[in-house]
């Protein structure tokens, strides 16, 4: 499939900057094809792993998004950074990134635990907390890998 080109191409950022935004942001919105073919979008924590270029999510073993991805593995994922305002300007300047790809369910339990741990490090360096969470919930945590097929990003000024 050929993905659409960005309409506002002058605002487009390079892929390396897109990756930077994916690594720095903690949350994004995953969109799937839900019940009755309605779009279903859900905010999620994520972890961009440089070693394989995939975006990882973790969560429960069942629910609307899981059912949807089992039926149709193509998804989109959108993130945007906190942005900034230029002095004396009301408009927010920020970078947004949209990823199109397909989701794979991580079957290797040890790898899923490793990814869960790495995702936790985005939020806290408290080793005791992380290990307690993994010991308590690791066995019932589902890890998903978004395999990117297209990544685009742009710099936006709200005005």
Protein backbone atom coordinates (compact mmCIF):
# COMPACT_ATOMS: atom_id res chain seq x y z
CA UNK A 1 0.00 0.00 0.00
CA UNK A 2 1.18 3.50 -0.72
CA UNK A 3 0.56 5.87 2.15
CA UNK A 4 -0.62 9.42 1.59
CA UNK A 5 1.88 12.24 1.48
CA UNK A 6 1.58 14.96 4.08
CA UNK A 7 -0.55 17.81 2.72
CA UNK A 8 1.35 20.45 4.68
CA UNK A 9 4.71 19.11 3.52
CA UNK A 10 6.57 22.26 4.64
CA UNK A 11 5.72 21.35 8.23
CA UNK A 12 6.95 17.77 7.89
CA UNK A 13 9.70 16.61 10.22
CA UNK A 14 12.31 13.98 9.38
CA UNK A 15 11.93 10.39 10.53
CA UNK A 16 14.73 10.77 13.10
CA UNK A 17 12.78 13.60 14.75
CA UNK A 18 9.62 11.47 14.64
CA UNK A 19 11.50 8.73 16.50
CA UNK A 20 12.68 11.30 19.06
CA UNK A 21 9.06 12.33 19.69
CA UNK A 22 8.00 8.68 20.01
CA UNK A 23 10.79 8.04 22.52
CA UNK A 24 10.14 11.17 24.60
CA UNK A 25 6.34 11.10 24.82
CA UNK A 26 4.78 8.83 27.40
CA UNK A 27 1.28 8.49 26.02
CA UNK A 28 -0.49 8.35 22.71
CA UNK A 29 -3.77 7.24 21.18
CA UNK A 30 -4.08 3.87 19.48
CA UNK A 31 -6.85 3.60 16.89
CA UNK A 32 -8.28 0.26 15.80
CA UNK A 33 -11.20 -0.93 13.71
CA UNK A 34 -13.71 -1.67 16.45
CA UNK A 35 -17.17 -3.18 16.76
CA UNK A 36 -19.40 -2.61 13.75
CA UNK A 37 -16.38 -1.18 11.90
CA UNK A 38 -16.50 1.95 14.04
CA UNK A 39 -13.10 3.46 14.82
CA UNK A 40 -12.09 2.83 18.42
CA UNK A 41 -9.32 5.01 19.82
CA UNK A 42 -7.82 4.52 23.25
CA UNK A 43 -5.06 6.40 25.10
CA UNK A 44 -2.11 4.18 26.03
CA UNK A 45 1.36 4.34 27.52
CA UNK A 46 3.97 3.23 25.01
CA UNK A 47 7.62 2.38 24.64
CA UNK A 48 9.59 2.88 21.42
CA UNK A 49 12.36 0.30 21.29
CA UNK A 50 15.29 1.35 19.13
CA UNK A 51 16.69 -2.18 18.89
CA UNK A 52 13.82 -3.32 16.65
CA UNK A 53 12.02 -0.09 15.73
CA UNK A 54 8.75 -1.27 17.26
CA UNK A 55 6.36 0.48 19.60
CA UNK A 56 5.22 -1.58 22.57
CA UNK A 57 2.10 -1.37 24.71
CA UNK A 58 0.99 -3.40 27.68
CA UNK A 59 -2.38 -4.00 29.23
CA UNK A 60 -5.03 -6.54 30.09
CA UNK A 61 -5.64 -9.77 28.21
CA UNK A 62 -9.15 -8.90 27.06
CA UNK A 63 -11.35 -6.01 26.05
CA UNK A 64 -12.56 -4.00 23.07
CA UNK A 65 -9.12 -3.13 21.65
CA UNK A 66 -7.84 -6.70 22.01
CA UNK A 67 -10.92 -8.15 20.28
CA UNK A 68 -10.58 -5.57 17.51
CA UNK A 69 -6.88 -6.31 16.90
CA UNK A 70 -7.52 -10.04 16.82
CA UNK A 71 -9.97 -9.43 13.95
CA UNK A 72 -7.96 -6.75 12.15
CA UNK A 73 -4.29 -6.14 12.99
CA UNK A 74 -3.88 -2.80 11.18
CA UNK A 75 -3.80 0.22 13.50
CA UNK A 76 -2.71 3.82 13.72
CA UNK A 77 -1.01 5.44 16.67
CA UNK A 78 -0.75 9.19 17.30
CA UNK A 79 1.45 11.08 19.75
CA UNK A 80 2.30 14.73 20.25
CA UNK A 81 4.79 16.43 22.51
CA UNK A 82 4.08 19.07 25.17
CA UNK A 83 5.05 21.88 22.84
CA UNK A 84 6.07 25.39 23.77
CA UNK A 85 4.97 28.97 23.31
CA UNK A 86 7.14 31.70 21.88
CA UNK A 87 7.45 34.68 24.20
CA UNK A 88 4.42 36.95 23.87
CA UNK A 89 2.54 34.46 21.67
CA UNK A 90 -0.61 32.58 22.64
CA UNK A 91 -0.20 29.84 20.05
CA UNK A 92 1.27 26.51 21.06
CA UNK A 93 4.01 25.02 18.87
CA UNK A 94 4.24 21.24 19.01
CA UNK A 95 5.29 18.16 17.05
CA UNK A 96 2.89 15.34 16.24
CA UNK A 97 3.62 11.89 14.87
CA UNK A 98 1.30 9.32 13.31
CA UNK A 99 2.34 5.72 12.86
CA UNK A 100 0.52 3.23 10.63
CA UNK A 101 1.31 -0.42 11.01
CA UNK A 102 0.17 -3.79 12.22
CA UNK A 103 0.09 -5.23 15.71
CA UNK A 104 1.66 -8.46 16.84
CA UNK A 105 0.86 -10.14 20.15
CA UNK A 106 4.08 -10.84 22.07
CA UNK A 107 4.02 -14.55 22.92
CA UNK A 108 7.45 -14.84 24.60
CA UNK A 109 6.70 -14.28 28.31
CA UNK A 110 10.28 -13.38 29.27
CA UNK A 111 10.47 -10.80 26.48
CA UNK A 112 7.06 -9.40 27.49
CA UNK A 113 8.36 -8.94 31.06
CA UNK A 114 11.51 -7.24 29.73
CA UNK A 115 9.39 -4.83 27.65
CA UNK A 116 7.08 -4.15 30.61
CA UNK A 117 10.11 -3.29 32.73
CA UNK A 118 11.54 -0.96 30.05
CA UNK A 119 8.18 0.75 29.66
CA UNK A 120 8.03 1.30 33.44
CA UNK A 121 11.39 3.08 33.33
CA UNK A 122 9.72 5.86 31.30
CA UNK A 123 7.70 6.68 34.42
CA UNK A 124 9.87 5.76 37.40
CA UNK A 125 13.33 4.55 38.31
CA UNK A 126 12.00 2.99 41.53
CA UNK A 127 13.30 -0.58 41.12
CA UNK A 128 11.32 -1.91 44.08
CA UNK A 129 8.06 -0.55 42.70
CA UNK A 130 8.78 -1.95 39.21
CA UNK A 131 9.70 -5.41 40.49
CA UNK A 132 6.66 -5.50 42.80
CA UNK A 133 4.39 -4.61 39.87
CA UNK A 134 5.96 -7.27 37.65
CA UNK A 135 5.72 -9.89 40.39
CA UNK A 136 2.10 -8.93 41.10
CA UNK A 137 0.75 -8.43 37.54
CA UNK A 138 3.39 -9.67 35.07
CA UNK A 139 1.76 -13.07 34.62
CA UNK A 140 -1.50 -11.47 33.45
CA UNK A 141 -0.07 -8.66 31.33
CA UNK A 142 -0.43 -8.71 27.57
CA UNK A 143 2.29 -7.00 25.55
CA UNK A 144 1.61 -5.80 22.02
CA UNK A 145 4.14 -4.73 19.39
CA UNK A 146 3.22 -2.17 16.75
CA UNK A 147 5.32 -2.87 13.67
CA UNK A 148 5.52 0.47 11.82
CA UNK A 149 4.81 0.53 8.10
CA UNK A 150 4.68 4.32 7.81
CA UNK A 151 5.77 7.08 10.20
CA UNK A 152 5.10 10.74 9.52
CA UNK A 153 5.36 13.78 11.68
CA UNK A 154 4.94 17.50 11.50
CA UNK A 155 5.62 20.69 13.38
CA UNK A 156 2.38 22.53 14.15
CA UNK A 157 1.66 26.10 15.28
CA UNK A 158 -1.89 26.44 16.52
CA UNK A 159 -2.49 29.91 15.08
